[in-house]
Protein backbone atom coordinates (compact mmCIF):
# COMPACT_ATOMS: atom_id res chain seq x y z
CA MET A 1 0.00 0.00 0.00
CA THR A 2 1.42 3.37 -1.04
CA LEU A 3 -0.11 6.46 0.50
CA ARG A 4 -0.30 9.50 -1.74
CA CYS A 5 -1.24 13.11 -1.13
CA ARG A 6 -4.89 13.73 -2.05
CA ARG A 7 -4.02 17.25 -3.24
CA CYS A 8 -1.14 16.57 -5.65
CA GLY A 9 -0.75 12.79 -5.95
CA GLU A 10 2.87 12.68 -4.73
CA PRO A 11 3.87 9.67 -2.60
CA LEU A 12 3.95 10.38 1.13
CA VAL A 13 7.08 9.77 3.14
CA THR A 14 6.19 7.65 6.13
CA GLY A 15 8.26 6.41 9.00
CA LEU A 16 9.50 8.56 11.85
CA ILE A 17 7.31 11.50 10.84
CA ALA A 18 4.15 9.37 10.68
CA THR A 19 3.93 8.53 14.35
CA GLN A 20 1.22 8.96 16.91
CA ARG A 21 2.22 12.61 17.29
CA ARG A 22 -0.58 14.97 16.33
CA HIS A 23 0.54 18.08 14.45
CA CYS A 24 -1.62 18.32 11.36
CA CYS A 25 -3.85 21.27 10.55
CA LEU A 26 -3.46 22.77 14.02
CA ASN A 27 -5.90 20.26 15.48
CA ASP A 28 -5.89 16.75 16.89
CA THR A 29 -5.41 14.85 13.60
CA PRO A 30 -2.67 12.18 13.48
CA ILE A 31 0.00 12.62 10.81
CA ALA A 32 -0.28 10.06 7.99
CA GLY A 33 2.93 11.09 6.25
CA ALA A 34 4.84 13.95 4.70
CA CYS A 35 4.15 15.26 1.21
CA PRO A 36 7.14 16.81 -0.60
CA ASN A 37 4.90 19.72 -1.67
CA HIS A 38 2.55 20.17 1.30
CA GLY A 39 4.55 18.95 4.30
CA PRO A 40 2.93 16.79 7.01
CA VAL A 41 -0.59 15.70 6.10
CA GLY A 42 -3.30 13.95 8.09
CA SER A 43 -5.26 10.87 7.15
CA HIS A 44 -7.91 13.13 5.51
CA ASP A 45 -5.30 14.14 2.89
CA ALA A 46 -3.81 10.67 2.36
CA VAL A 47 -5.20 8.27 -0.24
CA ASP A 48 -4.34 4.67 -1.17
CA ASN A 49 -2.67 4.08 -4.49
């Protein structure tokens, strides 16, 4: 399963950045990964390939 950014379609970098820490959109959304164009994104901006 490859997660991609819903906005631009780029693959998300997962790993250390995609932890249980919550820093997306200034609310309590867990980070799904990091987009090279949009930075850390939550599960609402991550889509399956």
